[in-house]
């Protein structure tokens, strides 16, 4: 494996399938970047065309960073995207009229980034007002972005390393996703919790008490099995792969997980399966070990929840059983 520090350039550890990213080393940058992506995420929430389970406001991983979906509508233009570029270290706002603005990620506070982002949007003819211009579910949730001078640390090497991690993990999650033919989300970066995830759904509707908040109601309106990765936090101070089934079927935590280092842990009122990112890095086959974990957690949840897993299987991304049995690749 490569050097566990994050002080060098990304090229120095490009041979690492899963690059090291200890939470403590890059945490100041993470805290600043988390608020940056929340600002732009709230723009996507305001200007995106609403999709089930909030899929319109999440980020997709591309070759240079994290980007929103196209935002705006046919009658409320211009259409635009907001993309974090971790090679040029800018937020690039581009519209469908050929114009763009670049907002630097380094050498400014969250307050400065917020002001520059809103200015850039206005200069591109994009009118947007955030109903709640404050962090969501973070310790400083009551402080407006425009007043946050506390978070101002941005280490370009650390941010680029974090992007590289999501790029590699995103490929693993795409590989995992390819084996399922039912309703499934994109592989997407959620800005409120700062995790990269994919959700498999059944068609079973979930009844929830009226007291449940609107965000949760929409996110969990259908039975789902989620799989993902996050960088770590105060409760789990290391990067971690995870999976959970919602609602949680009885007996889930009694079923084994793979690899042996994976474990069930309490999570809110239920449980989640955890597999340490660093344990995957140390394994002889980091990709294979991670896929073993994701598939074992799905197998446990789908079995106890009564899903028809064989009917939903999609080996190699092929849904047709005849084609699947004959598939040898495209002819030359």
C-alpha atoms as a PDB file:
ATOM      1  CA  UNK A   1       0.000   0.000   0.000  1.00  0.00           C
ATOM      2  CA  UNK A   2       1.031   3.615  -0.463  1.00  0.00           C
ATOM      3  CA  UNK A   3       1.961   6.247   2.078  1.00  0.00           C
ATOM      4  CA  UNK A   4      -0.787   6.807   4.657  1.00  0.00           C
ATOM      5  CA  UNK A   5      -0.251  10.577   4.755  1.00  0.00           C
ATOM      6  CA  UNK A   6      -2.205  13.039   2.651  1.00  0.00           C
ATOM      7  CA  UNK A   7       0.484  15.656   2.275  1.00  0.00           C
ATOM      8  CA  UNK A   8       1.758  14.644  -1.179  1.00  0.00           C
ATOM      9  CA  UNK A   9       0.166  14.939  -4.592  1.00  0.00           C
ATOM     10  CA  UNK A  10      -2.403  12.483  -5.798  1.00  0.00           C
ATOM     11  CA  UNK A  11       0.021  11.067  -8.352  1.00  0.00           C
ATOM     12  CA  UNK A  12       2.220   9.837  -5.511  1.00  0.00           C
ATOM     13  CA  UNK A  13      -0.315   7.211  -4.505  1.00  0.00           C
ATOM     14  CA  UNK A  14      -2.265   6.603  -7.712  1.00  0.00           C
ATOM     15  CA  UNK A  15      -1.208   2.925  -7.552  1.00  0.00           C
ATOM     16  CA  UNK A  16      -3.286   2.474  -4.392  1.00  0.00           C
ATOM     17  CA  UNK A  17      -6.634   0.921  -5.243  1.00  0.00           C
ATOM     18  CA  UNK A  18      -8.029   2.455  -2.045  1.00  0.00           C
ATOM     19  CA  UNK A  19      -5.873   5.434  -1.014  1.00  0.00           C
ATOM     20  CA  UNK A  20      -5.353   6.111   2.676  1.00  0.00           C
ATOM     21  CA  UNK A  21      -7.329   8.986   4.160  1.00  0.00           C
ATOM     22  CA  UNK A  22      -7.197   9.062   7.987  1.00  0.00           C
ATOM     23  CA  UNK A  23      -9.980  11.265   9.297  1.00  0.00           C
ATOM     24  CA  UNK A  24      -7.801  13.152  11.758  1.00  0.00           C
ATOM     25  CA  UNK A  25      -5.285  14.208   9.105  1.00  0.00           C
ATOM     26  CA  UNK A  26      -7.722  15.977   6.793  1.00  0.00           C
ATOM     27  CA  UNK A  27     -10.525  16.862   9.194  1.00  0.00           C
ATOM     28  CA  UNK A  28     -10.169  20.692   8.972  1.00  0.00           C
ATOM     29  CA  UNK A  29     -10.476  20.484   5.186  1.00  0.00           C
ATOM     30  CA  UNK A  30     -13.370  18.039   5.491  1.00  0.00           C
ATOM     31  CA  UNK A  31     -15.302  20.400   7.780  1.00  0.00           C
ATOM     32  CA  UNK A  32     -14.889  23.293   5.354  1.00  0.00           C
ATOM     33  CA  UNK A  33     -15.651  21.196   2.277  1.00  0.00           C
ATOM     34  CA  UNK A  34     -18.748  19.703   3.917  1.00  0.00           C
ATOM     35  CA  UNK A  35     -20.218  23.186   4.259  1.00  0.00           C
ATOM     36  CA  UNK A  36     -19.236  24.069   0.695  1.00  0.00           C
ATOM     37  CA  UNK A  37     -21.136  21.077  -0.674  1.00  0.00           C
ATOM     38  CA  UNK A  38     -24.124  21.880   1.539  1.00  0.00           C
ATOM     39  CA  UNK A  39     -24.316  25.379   0.061  1.00  0.00           C
ATOM     40  CA  UNK A  40     -24.355  24.053  -3.503  1.00  0.00           C
ATOM     41  CA  UNK A  41     -26.589  21.149  -2.479  1.00  0.00           C
ATOM     42  CA  UNK A  42     -29.182  23.617  -1.259  1.00  0.00           C
ATOM     43  CA  UNK A  43     -28.968  25.381  -4.616  1.00  0.00           C
ATOM     44  CA  UNK A  44     -29.707  22.013  -6.271  1.00  0.00           C
ATOM     45  CA  UNK A  45     -32.607  21.470  -3.875  1.00  0.00           C
ATOM     46  CA  UNK A  46     -34.060  24.851  -4.869  1.00  0.00           C
ATOM     47  CA  UNK A  47     -33.475  24.631  -8.629  1.00  0.00           C
ATOM     48  CA  UNK A  48     -33.608  20.915  -9.463  1.00  0.00           C
ATOM     49  CA  UNK A  49     -36.586  19.041 -10.898  1.00  0.00           C
ATOM     50  CA  UNK A  50     -37.755  16.955  -7.985  1.00  0.00           C
ATOM     51  CA  UNK A  51     -37.110  13.210  -8.120  1.00  0.00           C
ATOM     52  CA  UNK A  52     -38.164  10.428  -5.782  1.00  0.00           C
ATOM     53  CA  UNK A  53     -36.081   9.966  -2.618  1.00  0.00           C
ATOM     54  CA  UNK A  54     -34.319  13.335  -3.163  1.00  0.00           C
ATOM     55  CA  UNK A  55     -32.226  12.074  -6.087  1.00  0.00           C
ATOM     56  CA  UNK A  56     -32.373  15.474  -7.807  1.00  0.00           C
ATOM     57  CA  UNK A  57     -30.252  17.270  -5.221  1.00  0.00           C
ATOM     58  CA  UNK A  58     -27.334  14.847  -4.828  1.00  0.00           C
ATOM     59  CA  UNK A  59     -23.921  14.838  -6.508  1.00  0.00           C
ATOM     60  CA  UNK A  60     -22.509  12.436  -9.073  1.00  0.00           C
ATOM     61  CA  UNK A  61     -18.816  11.563  -9.212  1.00  0.00           C
ATOM     62  CA  UNK A  62     -17.096  12.420 -12.492  1.00  0.00           C
ATOM     63  CA  UNK A  63     -13.456  12.297 -13.627  1.00  0.00           C
ATOM     64  CA  UNK A  64     -12.513  15.568 -11.909  1.00  0.00           C
ATOM     65  CA  UNK A  65     -14.756  15.815  -8.885  1.00  0.00           C
ATOM     66  CA  UNK A  66     -18.411  15.991  -7.858  1.00  0.00           C
ATOM     67  CA  UNK A  67     -21.147  17.553  -9.950  1.00  0.00           C
ATOM     68  CA  UNK A  68     -24.817  18.334  -9.617  1.00  0.00           C
ATOM     69  CA  UNK A  69     -27.333  17.141 -12.160  1.00  0.00           C
ATOM     70  CA  UNK A  70     -28.450  19.751 -14.713  1.00  0.00           C
ATOM     71  CA  UNK A  71     -30.532  22.286 -12.779  1.00  0.00           C
ATOM     72  CA  UNK A  72     -33.271  24.655 -13.881  1.00  0.00           C
ATOM     73  CA  UNK A  73     -36.194  23.770 -16.131  1.00  0.00           C
ATOM     74  CA  UNK A  74     -37.498  24.356 -19.649  1.00  0.00           C
ATOM     75  CA  UNK A  75     -39.407  27.422 -18.453  1.00  0.00           C
ATOM     76  CA  UNK A  76     -37.054  28.579 -15.688  1.00  0.00           C
ATOM     77  CA  UNK A  77     -33.646  28.858 -17.299  1.00  0.00           C
ATOM     78  CA  UNK A  78     -30.870  28.900 -17.856  1.00  0.00           C
ATOM     79  CA  UNK A  79     -30.040  25.238 -17.352  1.00  0.00           C
ATOM     80  CA  UNK A  80     -26.839  24.975 -15.324  1.00  0.00           C
ATOM     81  CA  UNK A  81     -24.553  22.667 -13.400  1.00  0.00           C
ATOM     82  CA  UNK A  82     -22.291  23.207 -10.403  1.00  0.00           C
ATOM     83  CA  UNK A  83     -19.173  21.039 -10.397  1.00  0.00           C
ATOM     84  CA  UNK A  84     -16.407  20.795  -7.797  1.00  0.00           C
ATOM     85  CA  UNK A  85     -13.136  20.352  -9.702  1.00  0.00           C
ATOM     86  CA  UNK A  86     -10.417  18.946  -7.429  1.00  0.00           C
ATOM     87  CA  UNK A  87      -7.635  19.404  -9.962  1.00  0.00           C
ATOM     88  CA  UNK A  88      -8.225  23.107 -10.632  1.00  0.00           C
ATOM     89  CA  UNK A  89      -9.696  23.468  -7.106  1.00  0.00           C
ATOM     90  CA  UNK A  90     -12.672  25.527  -8.147  1.00  0.00           C
ATOM     91  CA  UNK A  91     -16.431  25.286  -8.135  1.00  0.00           C
ATOM     92  CA  UNK A  92     -17.286  25.614 -11.840  1.00  0.00           C
ATOM     93  CA  UNK A  93     -20.805  26.896 -12.531  1.00  0.00           C
ATOM     94  CA  UNK A  94     -21.699  26.437 -16.213  1.00  0.00           C
ATOM     95  CA  UNK A  95     -24.905  27.274 -18.065  1.00  0.00           C
ATOM     96  CA  UNK A  96     -26.377  26.124 -21.366  1.00  0.00           C
ATOM     97  CA  UNK A  97     -25.691  29.503 -22.962  1.00  0.00           C
ATOM     98  CA  UNK A  98     -21.947  28.932 -23.023  1.00  0.00           C
ATOM     99  CA  UNK A  99     -21.007  30.963 -19.955  1.00  0.00           C
ATOM    100  CA  UNK A 100     -19.368  29.878 -16.732  1.00  0.00           C
ATOM    101  CA  UNK A 101     -18.042  31.191 -13.446  1.00  0.00           C
ATOM    102  CA  UNK A 102     -15.270  29.681 -11.315  1.00  0.00           C
ATOM    103  CA  UNK A 103     -15.247  30.051  -7.545  1.00  0.00           C
ATOM    104  CA  UNK A 104     -11.943  29.189  -5.807  1.00  0.00           C
ATOM    105  CA  UNK A 105     -12.081  26.556  -3.081  1.00  0.00           C
ATOM    106  CA  UNK A 106      -8.881  27.587  -1.295  1.00  0.00           C
ATOM    107  CA  UNK A 107      -7.924  30.714   0.651  1.00  0.00           C
ATOM    108  CA  UNK A 108     -11.378  31.740   1.773  1.00  0.00           C
ATOM    109  CA  UNK A 109     -13.890  31.049   4.510  1.00  0.00           C
ATOM    110  CA  UNK A 110     -17.292  29.421   4.161  1.00  0.00           C
ATOM    111  CA  UNK A 111     -18.751  32.933   4.315  1.00  0.00           C
ATOM    112  CA  UNK A 112     -16.553  34.013   1.418  1.00  0.00           C
ATOM    113  CA  UNK A 113     -17.379  30.914  -0.625  1.00  0.00           C
ATOM    114  CA  UNK A 114     -21.095  31.429  -0.031  1.00  0.00           C
ATOM    115  CA  UNK A 115     -20.938  35.075  -1.136  1.00  0.00           C
ATOM    116  CA  UNK A 116     -18.907  34.237  -4.239  1.00  0.00           C
ATOM    117  CA  UNK A 117     -21.155  31.331  -5.195  1.00  0.00           C
ATOM    118  CA  UNK A 118     -24.310  33.426  -4.958  1.00  0.00           C
ATOM    119  CA  UNK A 119     -22.618  36.202  -6.938  1.00  0.00           C
ATOM    120  CA  UNK A 120     -21.509  33.727  -9.613  1.00  0.00           C
ATOM    121  CA  UNK A 121     -25.043  32.399  -9.967  1.00  0.00           C
ATOM    122  CA  UNK A 122     -26.457  35.906 -10.334  1.00  0.00           C
ATOM    123  CA  UNK A 123     -23.843  36.819 -12.952  1.00  0.00           C
ATOM    124  CA  UNK A 124     -24.959  33.797 -14.987  1.00  0.00           C
ATOM    125  CA  UNK A 125     -28.585  34.899 -14.874  1.00  0.00           C
ATOM    126  CA  UNK A 126     -29.580  32.332 -12.249  1.00  0.00           C
ATOM    127  CA  UNK A 127     -31.941  33.640  -9.620  1.00  0.00           C
ATOM    128  CA  UNK A 128     -32.035  31.484  -6.512  1.00  0.00           C
ATOM    129  CA  UNK A 129     -32.907  32.146  -2.893  1.00  0.00           C
ATOM    130  CA  UNK A 130     -32.115  29.546  -0.254  1.00  0.00           C
ATOM    131  CA  UNK A 131     -34.966  29.301   2.282  1.00  0.00           C
ATOM    132  CA  UNK A 132     -32.555  28.027   4.948  1.00  0.00           C
ATOM    133  CA  UNK A 133     -29.016  29.303   4.202  1.00  0.00           C
ATOM    134  CA  UNK A 134     -27.528  27.488   7.200  1.00  0.00           C
ATOM    135  CA  UNK A 135     -25.821  24.090   7.650  1.00  0.00           C
ATOM    136  CA  UNK A 136     -28.084  21.052   7.817  1.00  0.00           C
ATOM    137  CA  UNK A 137     -27.612  18.686  10.771  1.00  0.00           C
ATOM    138  CA  UNK A 138     -24.162  20.021  11.676  1.00  0.00           C
ATOM    139  CA  UNK A 139     -23.048  21.441  15.042  1.00  0.00           C
ATOM    140  CA  UNK A 140     -23.340  25.025  13.761  1.00  0.00           C
ATOM    141  CA  UNK A 141     -26.727  24.493  12.083  1.00  0.00           C
ATOM    142  CA  UNK A 142     -28.081  27.770  13.454  1.00  0.00           C
ATOM    143  CA  UNK A 143     -25.318  29.954  12.009  1.00  0.00           C
ATOM    144  CA  UNK A 144     -25.862  31.412   8.516  1.00  0.00           C
ATOM    145  CA  UNK A 145     -23.291  30.434   5.902  1.00  0.00           C
ATOM    146  CA  UNK A 146     -22.754  34.156   5.340  1.00  0.00           C
ATOM    147  CA  UNK A 147     -21.392  34.508   8.890  1.00  0.00           C
ATOM    148  CA  UNK A 148     -19.105  31.468   9.015  1.00  0.00           C
ATOM    149  CA  UNK A 149     -15.519  32.705   9.201  1.00  0.00           C
ATOM    150  CA  UNK A 150     -14.534  29.770  11.432  1.00  0.00           C
ATOM    151  CA  UNK A 151     -14.265  27.168   8.668  1.00  0.00           C
ATOM    152  CA  UNK A 152     -11.619  28.343   6.227  1.00  0.00           C
ATOM    153  CA  UNK A 153      -9.081  25.526   5.968  1.00  0.00           C
ATOM    154  CA  UNK A 154      -8.722  23.916   2.538  1.00  0.00           C
ATOM    155  CA  UNK A 155      -5.717  21.709   1.780  1.00  0.00           C
ATOM    156  CA  UNK A 156      -5.743  20.999  -1.982  1.00  0.00           C
ATOM    157  CA  UNK A 157      -3.823  17.718  -1.614  1.00  0.00           C
ATOM    158  CA  UNK A 158      -6.229  16.442   1.037  1.00  0.00           C
ATOM    159  CA  UNK A 159      -9.295  17.455  -0.960  1.00  0.00           C
ATOM    160  CA  UNK A 160      -7.907  15.776  -4.056  1.00  0.00           C
ATOM    161  CA  UNK A 161      -7.174  12.636  -2.053  1.00  0.00           C
ATOM    162  CA  UNK A 162     -10.764  12.602  -0.778  1.00  0.00           C
ATOM    163  CA  UNK A 163     -12.028  12.887  -4.352  1.00  0.00           C
ATOM    164  CA  UNK A 164      -9.765  10.021  -5.419  1.00  0.00           C
ATOM    165  CA  UNK A 165     -11.271   7.886  -2.649  1.00  0.00           C
ATOM    166  CA  UNK A 166     -14.820   8.623  -3.841  1.00  0.00           C
ATOM    167  CA  UNK A 167     -13.797   7.947  -7.428  1.00  0.00           C
ATOM    168  CA  UNK A 168     -12.488   4.490  -6.531  1.00  0.00           C
ATOM    169  CA  UNK A 169     -15.303   3.665  -4.106  1.00  0.00           C
ATOM    170  CA  UNK A 170     -17.803   4.889  -6.692  1.00  0.00           C
ATOM    171  CA  UNK A 171     -16.512   2.313  -9.164  1.00  0.00           C
ATOM    172  CA  UNK A 172     -16.935  -0.442  -6.573  1.00  0.00           C
ATOM    173  CA  UNK A 173     -20.487   0.679  -5.815  1.00  0.00           C
ATOM    174  CA  UNK A 174     -21.262   0.771  -9.548  1.00  0.00           C
ATOM    175  CA  UNK A 175     -19.969  -2.795  -9.829  1.00  0.00           C
ATOM    176  CA  UNK A 176     -22.200  -3.802  -6.923  1.00  0.00           C
ATOM    177  CA  UNK A 177     -25.165  -1.973  -8.463  1.00  0.00           C
ATOM    178  CA  UNK A 178     -24.809  -3.810 -11.762  1.00  0.00           C
ATOM    179  CA  UNK A 179     -25.955  -7.081 -10.190  1.00  0.00           C
ATOM    180  CA  UNK A 180     -29.456  -5.788  -9.341  1.00  0.00           C
ATOM    181  CA  UNK A 181     -32.304  -5.300 -11.835  1.00  0.00           C
ATOM    182  CA  UNK A 182     -34.953  -3.761  -9.559  1.00  0.00           C
ATOM    183  CA  UNK A 183     -35.496  -0.134  -8.658  1.00  0.00           C
ATOM    184  CA  UNK A 184     -32.124   1.276  -7.685  1.00  0.00           C
ATOM    185  CA  UNK A 185     -30.747   4.745  -7.088  1.00  0.00           C
ATOM    186  CA  UNK A 186     -27.738   6.225  -8.835  1.00  0.00           C
ATOM    187  CA  UNK A 187     -24.440   6.012  -6.997  1.00  0.00           C
ATOM    188  CA  UNK A 188     -24.604   9.458  -5.434  1.00  0.00           C
ATOM    189  CA  UNK A 189     -22.901  11.705  -2.915  1.00  0.00           C
ATOM    190  CA  UNK A 190     -25.283  13.005  -0.263  1.00  0.00           C
ATOM    191  CA  UNK A 191     -24.336  16.467   0.933  1.00  0.00           C
ATOM    192  CA  UNK A 192     -26.166  16.406   4.256  1.00  0.00           C
ATOM    193  CA  UNK A 193     -24.279  13.381   5.638  1.00  0.00           C
ATOM    194  CA  UNK A 194     -21.265  13.526   3.284  1.00  0.00           C
ATOM    195  CA  UNK A 195     -21.503   9.877   2.218  1.00  0.00           C
ATOM    196  CA  UNK A 196     -21.413   8.076  -1.111  1.00  0.00           C
ATOM    197  CA  UNK A 197     -24.214   5.549  -1.387  1.00  0.00           C
ATOM    198  CA  UNK A 198     -26.575   3.480  -3.524  1.00  0.00           C
ATOM    199  CA  UNK A 199     -30.007   2.189  -2.482  1.00  0.00           C
ATOM    200  CA  UNK A 200     -31.891  -0.900  -3.689  1.00  0.00           C
ATOM    201  CA  UNK A 201     -35.669  -0.774  -3.295  1.00  0.00           C
ATOM    202  CA  UNK A 202     -38.545  -3.198  -3.145  1.00  0.00           C
ATOM    203  CA  UNK A 203     -42.063  -2.068  -4.117  1.00  0.00           C
ATOM    204  CA  UNK A 204     -43.290  -2.354  -0.538  1.00  0.00           C
ATOM    205  CA  UNK A 205     -44.608   0.973   0.769  1.00  0.00           C
ATOM    206  CA  UNK A 206     -43.648   1.917   4.307  1.00  0.00           C
ATOM    207  CA  UNK A 207     -46.196   3.467   6.623  1.00  0.00           C
ATOM    208  CA  UNK A 208     -44.706   6.041   8.981  1.00  0.00           C
ATOM    209  CA  UNK A 209     -46.177   8.062  11.841  1.00  0.00           C
ATOM    210  CA  UNK A 210     -47.246  11.601  10.973  1.00  0.00           C
ATOM    211  CA  UNK A 211     -44.580  12.854  13.367  1.00  0.00           C
ATOM    212  CA  UNK A 212     -41.788  11.702  11.024  1.00  0.00           C
ATOM    213  CA  UNK A 213     -40.065  14.676   9.361  1.00  0.00           C
ATOM    214  CA  UNK A 214     -40.507  15.293   5.596  1.00  0.00           C
ATOM    215  CA  UNK A 215     -36.891  14.466   4.717  1.00  0.00           C
ATOM    216  CA  UNK A 216     -37.078  11.038   6.338  1.00  0.00           C
ATOM    217  CA  UNK A 217     -40.567  10.318   4.986  1.00  0.00           C
ATOM    218  CA  UNK A 218     -39.458  10.742   1.388  1.00  0.00           C
ATOM    219  CA  UNK A 219     -36.121   9.000   1.852  1.00  0.00           C
ATOM    220  CA  UNK A 220     -37.683   5.884   3.374  1.00  0.00           C
ATOM    221  CA  UNK A 221     -41.114   5.738   1.739  1.00  0.00           C
ATOM    222  CA  UNK A 222     -40.215   2.346   0.206  1.00  0.00           C
ATOM    223  CA  UNK A 223     -38.439  -0.622   1.725  1.00  0.00           C
ATOM    224  CA  UNK A 224     -34.751  -0.352   0.915  1.00  0.00           C
ATOM    225  CA  UNK A 225     -31.309  -1.842   1.411  1.00  0.00           C
ATOM    226  CA  UNK A 226     -28.638   0.835   1.343  1.00  0.00           C
ATOM    227  CA  UNK A 227     -24.910   0.406   0.773  1.00  0.00           C
ATOM    228  CA  UNK A 228     -22.290   3.085   0.977  1.00  0.00           C
ATOM    229  CA  UNK A 229     -19.173   4.713   2.345  1.00  0.00           C
ATOM    230  CA  UNK A 230     -18.457   7.704   4.526  1.00  0.00           C
ATOM    231  CA  UNK A 231     -15.271   9.431   5.649  1.00  0.00           C
ATOM    232  CA  UNK A 232     -15.926   9.045   9.381  1.00  0.00           C
ATOM    233  CA  UNK A 233     -17.207  11.260  12.176  1.00  0.00           C
ATOM    234  CA  UNK A 234     -17.089  11.631  15.954  1.00  0.00           C
ATOM    235  CA  UNK A 235     -18.962   8.370  16.485  1.00  0.00           C
ATOM    236  CA  UNK A 236     -16.992   6.333  13.930  1.00  0.00           C
ATOM    237  CA  UNK A 237     -13.618   8.083  13.634  1.00  0.00           C
ATOM    238  CA  UNK A 238     -12.397   6.260  10.520  1.00  0.00           C
ATOM    239  CA  UNK A 239     -13.545   5.847   6.913  1.00  0.00           C
ATOM    240  CA  UNK A 240     -16.073   3.016   6.766  1.00  0.00           C
ATOM    241  CA  UNK A 241     -18.188   1.012   4.357  1.00  0.00           C
ATOM    242  CA  UNK A 242     -21.733   0.404   5.570  1.00  0.00           C
ATOM    243  CA  UNK A 243     -25.044  -1.225   4.746  1.00  0.00           C
ATOM    244  CA  UNK A 244     -28.473  -1.278   6.377  1.00  0.00           C
ATOM    245  CA  UNK A 245     -31.963  -2.574   5.666  1.00  0.00           C
ATOM    246  CA  UNK A 246     -34.910  -0.262   6.365  1.00  0.00           C
ATOM    247  CA  UNK A 247     -37.142  -1.225   8.015  1.00  0.00           C
ATOM    248  CA  UNK A 248     -34.829  -3.673   9.765  1.00  0.00           C
ATOM    249  CA  UNK A 249     -36.177  -7.248   9.683  1.00  0.00           C
ATOM    250  CA  UNK A 250     -36.091  -9.260  12.879  1.00  0.00           C
ATOM    251  CA  UNK A 251     -32.983 -11.382  13.318  1.00  0.00           C
ATOM    252  CA  UNK A 252     -30.803  -9.397  10.914  1.00  0.00           C
ATOM    253  CA  UNK A 253     -27.857  -9.013  13.282  1.00  0.00           C
ATOM    254  CA  UNK A 254     -27.752 -12.761  13.895  1.00  0.00           C
ATOM    255  CA  UNK A 255     -26.673 -13.458  10.317  1.00  0.00           C
ATOM    256  CA  UNK A 256     -22.963 -13.542   9.459  1.00  0.00           C
ATOM    257  CA  UNK A 257     -21.168 -10.950   7.370  1.00  0.00           C
ATOM    258  CA  UNK A 258     -18.150 -11.202   5.119  1.00  0.00           C
ATOM    259  CA  UNK A 259     -15.219 -10.583   5.431  1.00  0.00           C
ATOM    260  CA  UNK A 260     -14.770 -11.693   9.060  1.00  0.00           C
ATOM    261  CA  UNK A 261     -13.778  -8.154  10.139  1.00  0.00           C
ATOM    262  CA  UNK A 262     -17.248  -6.832   9.226  1.00  0.00           C
ATOM    263  CA  UNK A 263     -19.710  -6.411  12.089  1.00  0.00           C
ATOM    264  CA  UNK A 264     -23.209  -5.323  13.008  1.00  0.00           C
ATOM    265  CA  UNK A 265     -23.377  -2.173  15.150  1.00  0.00           C
ATOM    266  CA  UNK A 266     -26.249  -0.189  16.701  1.00  0.00           C
ATOM    267  CA  UNK A 267     -27.329   2.715  14.490  1.00  0.00           C
ATOM    268  CA  UNK A 268     -30.123   4.924  15.770  1.00  0.00           C
ATOM    269  CA  UNK A 269     -33.029   2.658  16.662  1.00  0.00           C
ATOM    270  CA  UNK A 270     -31.761  -0.150  14.394  1.00  0.00           C
ATOM    271  CA  UNK A 271     -28.437  -1.586  13.219  1.00  0.00           C
ATOM    272  CA  UNK A 272     -25.984  -1.205  10.369  1.00  0.00           C
ATOM    273  CA  UNK A 273     -23.278  -3.438   8.967  1.00  0.00           C
ATOM    274  CA  UNK A 274     -19.826  -1.829   9.118  1.00  0.00           C
ATOM    275  CA  UNK A 275     -16.609  -2.774   7.366  1.00  0.00           C
ATOM    276  CA  UNK A 276     -13.540  -0.655   7.982  1.00  0.00           C
ATOM    277  CA  UNK A 277     -12.110   1.019   4.891  1.00  0.00           C
ATOM    278  CA  UNK A 278      -8.624   0.421   6.260  1.00  0.00           C
ATOM    279  CA  UNK A 279      -9.399  -3.283   6.731  1.00  0.00           C
ATOM    280  CA  UNK A 280     -10.307  -3.406   3.043  1.00  0.00           C
ATOM    281  CA  UNK A 281      -7.059  -1.592   2.183  1.00  0.00           C
ATOM    282  CA  UNK A 282      -5.042  -4.164   4.131  1.00  0.00           C
ATOM    283  CA  UNK A 283      -6.665  -7.128   2.414  1.00  0.00           C
ATOM    284  CA  UNK A 284      -5.022  -8.949  -0.494  1.00  0.00           C
ATOM    285  CA  UNK A 285      -7.941  -7.918  -2.738  1.00  0.00           C
ATOM    286  CA  UNK A 286      -9.466  -4.599  -1.550  1.00  0.00           C
ATOM    287  CA  UNK A 287     -12.124  -4.507  -4.267  1.00  0.00           C
ATOM    288  CA  UNK A 288     -13.107  -8.142  -3.823  1.00  0.00           C
ATOM    289  CA  UNK A 289     -13.239  -7.833  -0.037  1.00  0.00           C
ATOM    290  CA  UNK A 290     -15.476  -4.764  -0.271  1.00  0.00           C
ATOM    291  CA  UNK A 291     -17.811  -6.448  -2.745  1.00  0.00           C
ATOM    292  CA  UNK A 292     -17.983  -9.510  -0.472  1.00  0.00           C
ATOM    293  CA  UNK A 293     -19.113  -7.219   2.333  1.00  0.00           C
ATOM    294  CA  UNK A 294     -21.745  -5.424   0.256  1.00  0.00           C
ATOM    295  CA  UNK A 295     -23.159  -8.639  -1.183  1.00  0.00           C
ATOM    296  CA  UNK A 296     -23.253 -10.405   2.195  1.00  0.00           C
ATOM    297  CA  UNK A 297     -25.117  -7.522   3.839  1.00  0.00           C
ATOM    298  CA  UNK A 298     -27.606  -7.409   0.949  1.00  0.00           C
ATOM    299  CA  UNK A 299     -28.086 -11.187   1.066  1.00  0.00           C
ATOM    300  CA  UNK A 300     -28.919 -11.023   4.774  1.00  0.00           C
ATOM    301  CA  UNK A 301     -31.332  -8.109   4.472  1.00  0.00           C
ATOM    302  CA  UNK A 302     -33.108  -9.320   1.338  1.00  0.00           C
ATOM    303  CA  UNK A 303     -33.523 -12.827   2.721  1.00  0.00           C
ATOM    304  CA  UNK A 304     -35.132 -11.744   5.978  1.00  0.00           C
ATOM    305  CA  UNK A 305     -37.221  -9.027   4.297  1.00  0.00           C
ATOM    306  CA  UNK A 306     -38.662 -11.594   1.883  1.00  0.00           C
ATOM    307  CA  UNK A 307     -37.290 -10.204  -1.372  1.00  0.00           C
ATOM    308  CA  UNK A 308     -37.171 -12.476  -4.411  1.00  0.00           C
ATOM    309  CA  UNK A 309     -33.416 -12.070  -4.761  1.00  0.00           C
ATOM    310  CA  UNK A 310     -32.977 -14.560  -7.650  1.00  0.00           C
ATOM    311  CA  UNK A 311     -35.627 -12.763  -9.713  1.00  0.00           C
ATOM    312  CA  UNK A 312     -33.965  -9.405  -9.011  1.00  0.00           C
ATOM    313  CA  UNK A 313     -30.462 -10.609  -9.796  1.00  0.00           C
ATOM    314  CA  UNK A 314     -28.715  -9.157 -12.820  1.00  0.00           C
ATOM    315  CA  UNK A 315     -25.355 -10.962 -13.199  1.00  0.00           C
ATOM    316  CA  UNK A 316     -22.868  -8.917 -15.168  1.00  0.00           C
ATOM    317  CA  UNK A 317     -25.465  -6.215 -15.719  1.00  0.00           C
ATOM    318  CA  UNK A 318     -27.501  -8.415 -18.075  1.00  0.00           C
ATOM    319  CA  UNK A 319     -31.243  -8.814 -17.472  1.00  0.00           C
ATOM    320  CA  UNK A 320     -32.099 -11.233 -20.275  1.00  0.00           C
ATOM    321  CA  UNK A 321     -31.497 -14.844 -19.126  1.00  0.00           C
ATOM    322  CA  UNK A 322     -30.883 -16.134 -22.644  1.00  0.00           C
ATOM    323  CA  UNK A 323     -28.373 -13.419 -23.448  1.00  0.00           C
ATOM    324  CA  UNK A 324     -26.797 -13.898 -20.042  1.00  0.00           C
ATOM    325  CA  UNK A 325     -26.202 -17.593 -20.647  1.00  0.00           C
ATOM    326  CA  UNK A 326     -24.589 -16.919 -24.025  1.00  0.00           C
ATOM    327  CA  UNK A 327     -22.741 -13.688 -23.308  1.00  0.00           C
ATOM    328  CA  UNK A 328     -19.066 -13.730 -24.254  1.00  0.00           C
ATOM    329  CA  UNK A 329     -18.653 -10.063 -25.069  1.00  0.00           C
ATOM    330  CA  UNK A 330     -19.457  -8.168 -28.256  1.00  0.00           C
ATOM    331  CA  UNK A 331     -18.349  -9.870 -31.492  1.00  0.00           C
ATOM    332  CA  UNK A 332     -15.326  -8.389 -33.200  1.00  0.00           C
END
